[in-house]
Protein backbone atom coordinates (compact mmCIF):
# COMPACT_ATOMS: atom_id res chain seq x y z
CA UNK A 1 93.34 94.85 91.34
CA UNK A 2 90.56 95.05 93.93
CA UNK A 3 88.64 92.46 91.90
CA UNK A 4 91.57 90.02 92.11
CA UNK A 5 91.79 90.55 95.89
CA UNK A 6 88.05 89.88 96.28
CA UNK A 7 88.20 86.69 94.18
CA UNK A 8 91.19 85.34 96.13
CA UNK A 9 89.52 85.96 99.49
CA UNK A 10 86.21 84.44 98.35
CA UNK A 11 88.11 81.29 97.27
CA UNK A 12 89.77 81.13 100.72
CA UNK A 13 86.35 81.62 102.38
CA UNK A 14 87.79 84.69 104.07
CA UNK A 15 84.85 87.02 103.38
CA UNK A 16 81.74 88.19 105.26
CA UNK A 17 78.72 89.24 103.19
CA UNK A 18 76.02 91.68 104.18
CA UNK A 19 75.59 94.94 106.02
CA UNK A 20 74.55 93.54 109.42
CA UNK A 21 77.29 90.90 109.51
CA UNK A 22 79.95 93.44 108.50
CA UNK A 23 78.83 95.88 111.21
CA UNK A 24 79.02 93.09 113.84
CA UNK A 25 82.51 92.12 112.68
CA UNK A 26 83.66 95.76 112.67
CA UNK A 27 82.52 96.21 116.25
CA UNK A 28 84.66 93.19 117.20
CA UNK A 29 87.61 94.43 115.06
CA UNK A 30 87.65 91.21 113.01
CA UNK A 31 88.01 92.80 109.57
CA UNK A 32 91.04 93.91 107.57
CA UNK A 33 89.07 95.74 104.89
CA UNK A 34 85.48 96.60 103.94
CA UNK A 35 84.31 96.93 100.35
CA UNK A 36 81.12 98.85 99.54
CA UNK A 37 79.32 98.77 96.17
CA UNK A 38 79.02 102.13 94.43
CA UNK A 39 75.22 102.06 94.55
CA UNK A 40 74.83 101.00 98.19
CA UNK A 41 72.32 103.15 100.10
CA UNK A 42 73.84 106.32 101.59
CA UNK A 43 72.77 105.30 105.11
CA UNK A 44 74.64 101.99 104.74
CA UNK A 45 77.77 103.73 103.44
CA UNK A 46 77.81 106.25 106.30
CA UNK A 47 77.20 103.62 108.97
CA UNK A 48 79.92 101.30 107.64
CA UNK A 49 82.40 104.16 107.22
CA UNK A 50 81.71 105.38 110.76
CA UNK A 51 82.22 101.94 112.32
CA UNK A 52 85.31 101.38 110.15
CA UNK A 53 86.84 104.62 111.38
CA UNK A 54 86.30 103.56 115.00
CA UNK A 55 87.85 100.11 114.46
CA UNK A 56 90.67 101.39 112.22
CA UNK A 57 89.58 99.31 109.22
CA UNK A 58 90.20 100.37 105.60
CA UNK A 59 87.16 101.06 103.41
CA UNK A 60 87.14 100.86 99.62
CA UNK A 61 84.31 101.81 97.32
CA UNK A 62 83.87 99.21 94.56
CA UNK A 63 83.44 101.16 91.31
CA UNK A 64 80.62 98.92 90.07
CA UNK A 65 77.10 98.09 91.28
CA UNK A 66 76.00 95.66 93.96
CA UNK A 67 74.86 93.22 91.24
CA UNK A 68 78.37 93.24 89.74
CA UNK A 69 79.88 92.68 93.18
CA UNK A 70 77.57 89.70 93.75
CA UNK A 71 78.54 88.22 90.37
CA UNK A 72 82.24 88.73 91.11
CA UNK A 73 81.80 86.83 94.39
CA UNK A 74 79.94 84.03 92.61
CA UNK A 75 76.71 84.69 94.50
CA UNK A 76 73.19 84.52 92.98
CA UNK A 77 72.25 87.77 94.73
CA UNK A 78 73.50 91.34 94.91
CA UNK A 79 76.13 92.23 97.52
CA UNK A 80 76.29 95.85 98.68
CA UNK A 81 78.83 95.36 101.49
CA UNK A 82 81.48 92.74 102.12
CA UNK A 83 84.24 92.45 104.66
CA UNK A 84 87.62 90.73 104.33
CA UNK A 85 88.62 88.98 107.56
CA UNK A 86 91.98 89.54 109.23
């Protein structure tokens, strides 16, 4: 189900990729949801979860690796964090 949601939002170009970009968007409350790969570094997870809590944004842990998340998004690189825009 989460995979279908990710694919739909990638098709609509409604997604932000990358830790730094997601943190910026969270601070501006521009995201509806954040998805973190299961093998993302602990520091990244904690920082994203903290900023999500402040902005009131939902966080989901993707049950596969960052490589799988990149493949699902159709990207030639691994994706550890992505944000779905409001």
